[in-house]
């Protein structure tokens, strides 16, 4: 797998932006056991769209997840489901990169972006709920209900912002394309 200097730089900048947007001053915490509503996933979605699913999972699921888990002060047992698989599921959007970020913005690309974001948030909710069952010893329905409180509003926020950014993202991708693996 080859990674260009541009890809490394862009990945580092988008991960740094996501970490900045995840600071306590810029997010709204929900409940005592974690979870928050913030704009942190916007740069991660953009990253997955730019670099594709494989590099997206490596950079988001592993690099960002580890840094975020440590910055949040969460115990490392939360890392596999809440962070690596939860945030790593954002790389799913990279599977549809070529259909979403075509030569010009299309209704189909916009719709596919919307559907892929929904798919990511359903995946993230499932992984976080599994974590709730395993580590916090609650039943799946209770874990799902808790996770819907913050993942639901965060998903709506991401949908709105990314749909607003859809045309500029297509323009940037056409002007400065990255190869995906």
C-alpha atoms as a PDB file:
ATOM      1  CA  UNK A   1       0.000   0.000   0.000  1.00  0.00           C
ATOM      2  CA  UNK A   2       1.453   3.308  -1.080  1.00  0.00           C
ATOM      3  CA  UNK A   3       0.624   6.508   0.731  1.00  0.00           C
ATOM      4  CA  UNK A   4       1.567   9.828  -0.807  1.00  0.00           C
ATOM      5  CA  UNK A   5       2.795  12.824   1.134  1.00  0.00           C
ATOM      6  CA  UNK A   6      -0.451  14.591   0.200  1.00  0.00           C
ATOM      7  CA  UNK A   7      -2.511  11.713   1.644  1.00  0.00           C
ATOM      8  CA  UNK A   8      -0.478  11.669   4.852  1.00  0.00           C
ATOM      9  CA  UNK A   9      -0.785  15.429   5.239  1.00  0.00           C
ATOM     10  CA  UNK A  10      -4.498  15.484   4.493  1.00  0.00           C
ATOM     11  CA  UNK A  11      -5.109  12.543   6.837  1.00  0.00           C
ATOM     12  CA  UNK A  12      -3.137  14.170   9.650  1.00  0.00           C
ATOM     13  CA  UNK A  13      -4.951  17.494   9.204  1.00  0.00           C
ATOM     14  CA  UNK A  14      -8.422  15.918   9.158  1.00  0.00           C
ATOM     15  CA  UNK A  15      -7.668  13.740  12.201  1.00  0.00           C
ATOM     16  CA  UNK A  16      -6.286  16.778  14.045  1.00  0.00           C
ATOM     17  CA  UNK A  17      -9.430  18.756  13.150  1.00  0.00           C
ATOM     18  CA  UNK A  18     -11.614  15.890  14.402  1.00  0.00           C
ATOM     19  CA  UNK A  19      -9.679  15.819  17.696  1.00  0.00           C
ATOM     20  CA  UNK A  20     -10.050  19.591  18.069  1.00  0.00           C
ATOM     21  CA  UNK A  21     -13.800  19.357  17.433  1.00  0.00           C
ATOM     22  CA  UNK A  22     -13.966  16.629  20.106  1.00  0.00           C
ATOM     23  CA  UNK A  23     -12.653  18.867  22.891  1.00  0.00           C
ATOM     24  CA  UNK A  24     -14.944  19.481  25.884  1.00  0.00           C
ATOM     25  CA  UNK A  25     -15.578  23.111  24.899  1.00  0.00           C
ATOM     26  CA  UNK A  26     -16.895  22.111  21.461  1.00  0.00           C
ATOM     27  CA  UNK A  27     -19.115  19.148  22.312  1.00  0.00           C
ATOM     28  CA  UNK A  28     -22.281  18.573  24.279  1.00  0.00           C
ATOM     29  CA  UNK A  29     -21.905  15.606  26.652  1.00  0.00           C
ATOM     30  CA  UNK A  30     -24.831  13.239  27.162  1.00  0.00           C
ATOM     31  CA  UNK A  31     -25.145  11.156  30.329  1.00  0.00           C
ATOM     32  CA  UNK A  32     -22.612   9.985  32.862  1.00  0.00           C
ATOM     33  CA  UNK A  33     -21.253   7.018  30.907  1.00  0.00           C
ATOM     34  CA  UNK A  34     -19.987   8.876  27.878  1.00  0.00           C
ATOM     35  CA  UNK A  35     -21.430   9.926  24.570  1.00  0.00           C
ATOM     36  CA  UNK A  36     -21.570  13.414  23.126  1.00  0.00           C
ATOM     37  CA  UNK A  37     -22.951  15.454  20.272  1.00  0.00           C
ATOM     38  CA  UNK A  38     -20.312  17.284  18.257  1.00  0.00           C
ATOM     39  CA  UNK A  39     -19.005  17.989  14.778  1.00  0.00           C
ATOM     40  CA  UNK A  40     -16.050  15.632  15.247  1.00  0.00           C
ATOM     41  CA  UNK A  41     -17.253  13.091  12.705  1.00  0.00           C
ATOM     42  CA  UNK A  42     -17.495  15.582   9.821  1.00  0.00           C
ATOM     43  CA  UNK A  43     -13.720  15.572   9.103  1.00  0.00           C
ATOM     44  CA  UNK A  44     -13.696  11.783   9.544  1.00  0.00           C
ATOM     45  CA  UNK A  45     -16.404  11.348   6.897  1.00  0.00           C
ATOM     46  CA  UNK A  46     -14.472  13.651   4.583  1.00  0.00           C
ATOM     47  CA  UNK A  47     -11.331  11.609   5.219  1.00  0.00           C
ATOM     48  CA  UNK A  48     -13.102   8.339   4.374  1.00  0.00           C
ATOM     49  CA  UNK A  49     -14.476   9.880   1.187  1.00  0.00           C
ATOM     50  CA  UNK A  50     -11.046  11.139   0.183  1.00  0.00           C
ATOM     51  CA  UNK A  51      -8.884   8.071   0.888  1.00  0.00           C
ATOM     52  CA  UNK A  52     -11.342   5.195   0.492  1.00  0.00           C
ATOM     53  CA  UNK A  53     -12.351   2.340   2.785  1.00  0.00           C
ATOM     54  CA  UNK A  54      -9.035   0.623   3.543  1.00  0.00           C
ATOM     55  CA  UNK A  55      -6.921   3.678   4.284  1.00  0.00           C
ATOM     56  CA  UNK A  56     -10.002   5.214   5.898  1.00  0.00           C
ATOM     57  CA  UNK A  57     -10.302   2.334   8.360  1.00  0.00           C
ATOM     58  CA  UNK A  58      -6.593   2.411   9.177  1.00  0.00           C
ATOM     59  CA  UNK A  59      -6.562   6.165   9.765  1.00  0.00           C
ATOM     60  CA  UNK A  60      -9.969   6.495  11.461  1.00  0.00           C
ATOM     61  CA  UNK A  61     -10.476   3.100  13.070  1.00  0.00           C
ATOM     62  CA  UNK A  62      -6.979   2.786  14.445  1.00  0.00           C
ATOM     63  CA  UNK A  63      -5.142   6.134  14.561  1.00  0.00           C
ATOM     64  CA  UNK A  64      -8.047   8.475  15.364  1.00  0.00           C
ATOM     65  CA  UNK A  65      -9.718   5.936  17.672  1.00  0.00           C
ATOM     66  CA  UNK A  66      -6.640   5.408  19.807  1.00  0.00           C
ATOM     67  CA  UNK A  67      -5.924   9.140  20.063  1.00  0.00           C
ATOM     68  CA  UNK A  68      -9.558   9.933  20.848  1.00  0.00           C
ATOM     69  CA  UNK A  69      -9.860   7.177  23.460  1.00  0.00           C
ATOM     70  CA  UNK A  70      -6.728   8.432  25.217  1.00  0.00           C
ATOM     71  CA  UNK A  71      -7.819  12.089  24.956  1.00  0.00           C
ATOM     72  CA  UNK A  72     -11.278  11.254  26.336  1.00  0.00           C
ATOM     73  CA  UNK A  73      -9.705   9.441  29.287  1.00  0.00           C
ATOM     74  CA  UNK A  74     -11.782   6.358  28.537  1.00  0.00           C
ATOM     75  CA  UNK A  75     -10.598   2.946  29.727  1.00  0.00           C
ATOM     76  CA  UNK A  76      -8.875   0.909  27.036  1.00  0.00           C
ATOM     77  CA  UNK A  77     -11.506  -1.831  27.298  1.00  0.00           C
ATOM     78  CA  UNK A  78     -13.839   0.567  25.439  1.00  0.00           C
ATOM     79  CA  UNK A  79     -11.389   0.759  22.533  1.00  0.00           C
ATOM     80  CA  UNK A  80     -12.485  -2.255  20.419  1.00  0.00           C
ATOM     81  CA  UNK A  81     -16.234  -1.631  20.090  1.00  0.00           C
ATOM     82  CA  UNK A  82     -16.810   2.026  20.968  1.00  0.00           C
ATOM     83  CA  UNK A  83     -13.793   3.364  19.154  1.00  0.00           C
ATOM     84  CA  UNK A  84     -12.116   1.018  16.643  1.00  0.00           C
ATOM     85  CA  UNK A  85     -15.291  -0.555  15.244  1.00  0.00           C
ATOM     86  CA  UNK A  86     -17.604   2.360  16.076  1.00  0.00           C
ATOM     87  CA  UNK A  87     -15.528   5.101  14.492  1.00  0.00           C
ATOM     88  CA  UNK A  88     -13.916   2.692  12.038  1.00  0.00           C
ATOM     89  CA  UNK A  89     -17.349   2.058  10.537  1.00  0.00           C
ATOM     90  CA  UNK A  90     -17.089   5.552   9.038  1.00  0.00           C
ATOM     91  CA  UNK A  91     -14.788   3.942   6.462  1.00  0.00           C
ATOM     92  CA  UNK A  92     -17.941   2.358   4.974  1.00  0.00           C
ATOM     93  CA  UNK A  93     -18.560   5.694   3.235  1.00  0.00           C
ATOM     94  CA  UNK A  94     -15.273   5.208   1.381  1.00  0.00           C
ATOM     95  CA  UNK A  95     -16.766   2.183  -0.402  1.00  0.00           C
ATOM     96  CA  UNK A  96     -19.040   4.582  -2.290  1.00  0.00           C
ATOM     97  CA  UNK A  97     -16.386   7.229  -2.923  1.00  0.00           C
ATOM     98  CA  UNK A  98     -16.504   7.082  -6.725  1.00  0.00           C
ATOM     99  CA  UNK A  99     -20.305   7.150  -6.850  1.00  0.00           C
ATOM    100  CA  UNK A 100     -20.605  10.011  -4.336  1.00  0.00           C
ATOM    101  CA  UNK A 101     -17.724  12.197  -5.500  1.00  0.00           C
ATOM    102  CA  UNK A 102     -18.146  11.945  -9.254  1.00  0.00           C
ATOM    103  CA  UNK A 103     -17.146  14.472 -11.895  1.00  0.00           C
ATOM    104  CA  UNK A 104     -20.073  16.651 -10.869  1.00  0.00           C
ATOM    105  CA  UNK A 105     -22.557  16.584  -7.998  1.00  0.00           C
ATOM    106  CA  UNK A 106     -25.639  14.471  -8.727  1.00  0.00           C
ATOM    107  CA  UNK A 107     -28.894  13.700  -6.956  1.00  0.00           C
ATOM    108  CA  UNK A 108     -27.864  10.027  -6.890  1.00  0.00           C
ATOM    109  CA  UNK A 109     -24.505  10.911  -5.282  1.00  0.00           C
ATOM    110  CA  UNK A 110     -26.263  13.066  -2.713  1.00  0.00           C
ATOM    111  CA  UNK A 111     -28.745  10.258  -1.969  1.00  0.00           C
ATOM    112  CA  UNK A 112     -25.923   7.709  -1.707  1.00  0.00           C
ATOM    113  CA  UNK A 113     -24.076  10.001   0.714  1.00  0.00           C
ATOM    114  CA  UNK A 114     -27.231  10.226   2.819  1.00  0.00           C
ATOM    115  CA  UNK A 115     -27.742   6.443   2.816  1.00  0.00           C
ATOM    116  CA  UNK A 116     -24.103   5.694   3.609  1.00  0.00           C
ATOM    117  CA  UNK A 117     -24.178   8.095   6.574  1.00  0.00           C
ATOM    118  CA  UNK A 118     -27.303   6.325   7.872  1.00  0.00           C
ATOM    119  CA  UNK A 119     -25.550   2.959   7.440  1.00  0.00           C
ATOM    120  CA  UNK A 120     -22.528   4.223   9.371  1.00  0.00           C
ATOM    121  CA  UNK A 121     -24.630   5.477  12.255  1.00  0.00           C
ATOM    122  CA  UNK A 122     -26.624   2.262  12.481  1.00  0.00           C
ATOM    123  CA  UNK A 123     -23.311   0.368  12.576  1.00  0.00           C
ATOM    124  CA  UNK A 124     -21.900   2.705  15.194  1.00  0.00           C
ATOM    125  CA  UNK A 125     -25.029   2.348  17.326  1.00  0.00           C
ATOM    126  CA  UNK A 126     -24.831  -1.440  17.141  1.00  0.00           C
ATOM    127  CA  UNK A 127     -21.140  -1.541  18.096  1.00  0.00           C
ATOM    128  CA  UNK A 128     -21.640   0.894  20.990  1.00  0.00           C
ATOM    129  CA  UNK A 129     -24.632  -1.120  22.195  1.00  0.00           C
ATOM    130  CA  UNK A 130     -22.600  -4.340  22.088  1.00  0.00           C
ATOM    131  CA  UNK A 131     -19.982  -2.546  24.185  1.00  0.00           C
ATOM    132  CA  UNK A 132     -22.710  -1.558  26.659  1.00  0.00           C
ATOM    133  CA  UNK A 133     -23.783  -5.194  26.989  1.00  0.00           C
ATOM    134  CA  UNK A 134     -20.260  -6.553  27.403  1.00  0.00           C
ATOM    135  CA  UNK A 135     -18.594  -3.914  29.576  1.00  0.00           C
ATOM    136  CA  UNK A 136     -21.415  -2.082  31.364  1.00  0.00           C
ATOM    137  CA  UNK A 137     -23.626  -5.159  31.844  1.00  0.00           C
ATOM    138  CA  UNK A 138     -26.853  -3.665  30.543  1.00  0.00           C
ATOM    139  CA  UNK A 139     -29.206  -5.412  28.149  1.00  0.00           C
ATOM    140  CA  UNK A 140     -28.963  -4.639  24.443  1.00  0.00           C
ATOM    141  CA  UNK A 141     -32.209  -2.639  24.299  1.00  0.00           C
ATOM    142  CA  UNK A 142     -31.132  -0.399  27.210  1.00  0.00           C
ATOM    143  CA  UNK A 143     -27.711   0.110  25.606  1.00  0.00           C
ATOM    144  CA  UNK A 144     -29.348   0.897  22.279  1.00  0.00           C
ATOM    145  CA  UNK A 145     -31.714   3.403  23.921  1.00  0.00           C
ATOM    146  CA  UNK A 146     -28.816   5.151  25.640  1.00  0.00           C
ATOM    147  CA  UNK A 147     -26.724   5.290  22.473  1.00  0.00           C
ATOM    148  CA  UNK A 148     -29.623   6.655  20.409  1.00  0.00           C
ATOM    149  CA  UNK A 149     -29.639   9.711  22.715  1.00  0.00           C
ATOM    150  CA  UNK A 150     -26.334  10.975  21.347  1.00  0.00           C
ATOM    151  CA  UNK A 151     -25.697   9.045  18.130  1.00  0.00           C
ATOM    152  CA  UNK A 152     -29.103  10.028  16.706  1.00  0.00           C
ATOM    153  CA  UNK A 153     -28.634  13.807  17.016  1.00  0.00           C
ATOM    154  CA  UNK A 154     -24.974  13.524  15.955  1.00  0.00           C
ATOM    155  CA  UNK A 155     -26.075  11.642  12.829  1.00  0.00           C
ATOM    156  CA  UNK A 156     -28.630  14.309  11.952  1.00  0.00           C
ATOM    157  CA  UNK A 157     -25.996  16.991  12.416  1.00  0.00           C
ATOM    158  CA  UNK A 158     -23.573  15.097  10.145  1.00  0.00           C
ATOM    159  CA  UNK A 159     -26.228  14.569   7.480  1.00  0.00           C
ATOM    160  CA  UNK A 160     -27.092  18.265   7.362  1.00  0.00           C
ATOM    161  CA  UNK A 161     -23.479  19.488   7.309  1.00  0.00           C
ATOM    162  CA  UNK A 162     -22.245  16.920   4.780  1.00  0.00           C
ATOM    163  CA  UNK A 163     -25.162  17.527   2.426  1.00  0.00           C
ATOM    164  CA  UNK A 164     -24.403  21.251   2.575  1.00  0.00           C
ATOM    165  CA  UNK A 165     -20.744  20.458   1.840  1.00  0.00           C
ATOM    166  CA  UNK A 166     -21.538  17.963  -0.931  1.00  0.00           C
ATOM    167  CA  UNK A 167     -20.845  20.244  -3.917  1.00  0.00           C
ATOM    168  CA  UNK A 168     -17.599  21.695  -2.468  1.00  0.00           C
ATOM    169  CA  UNK A 169     -16.418  18.146  -1.657  1.00  0.00           C
ATOM    170  CA  UNK A 170     -17.023  17.081  -5.263  1.00  0.00           C
ATOM    171  CA  UNK A 171     -15.149  20.161  -6.499  1.00  0.00           C
ATOM    172  CA  UNK A 172     -12.180  19.524  -4.182  1.00  0.00           C
ATOM    173  CA  UNK A 173     -12.049  15.845  -5.116  1.00  0.00           C
ATOM    174  CA  UNK A 174     -12.034  16.693  -8.828  1.00  0.00           C
ATOM    175  CA  UNK A 175      -9.394  19.367  -8.456  1.00  0.00           C
ATOM    176  CA  UNK A 176      -7.157  17.414  -6.052  1.00  0.00           C
ATOM    177  CA  UNK A 177      -7.935  13.692  -6.545  1.00  0.00           C
ATOM    178  CA  UNK A 178      -6.521  11.004  -4.272  1.00  0.00           C
ATOM    179  CA  UNK A 179      -6.227   7.375  -5.257  1.00  0.00           C
ATOM    180  CA  UNK A 180      -7.955   4.911  -2.962  1.00  0.00           C
ATOM    181  CA  UNK A 181      -7.160   1.287  -2.207  1.00  0.00           C
END
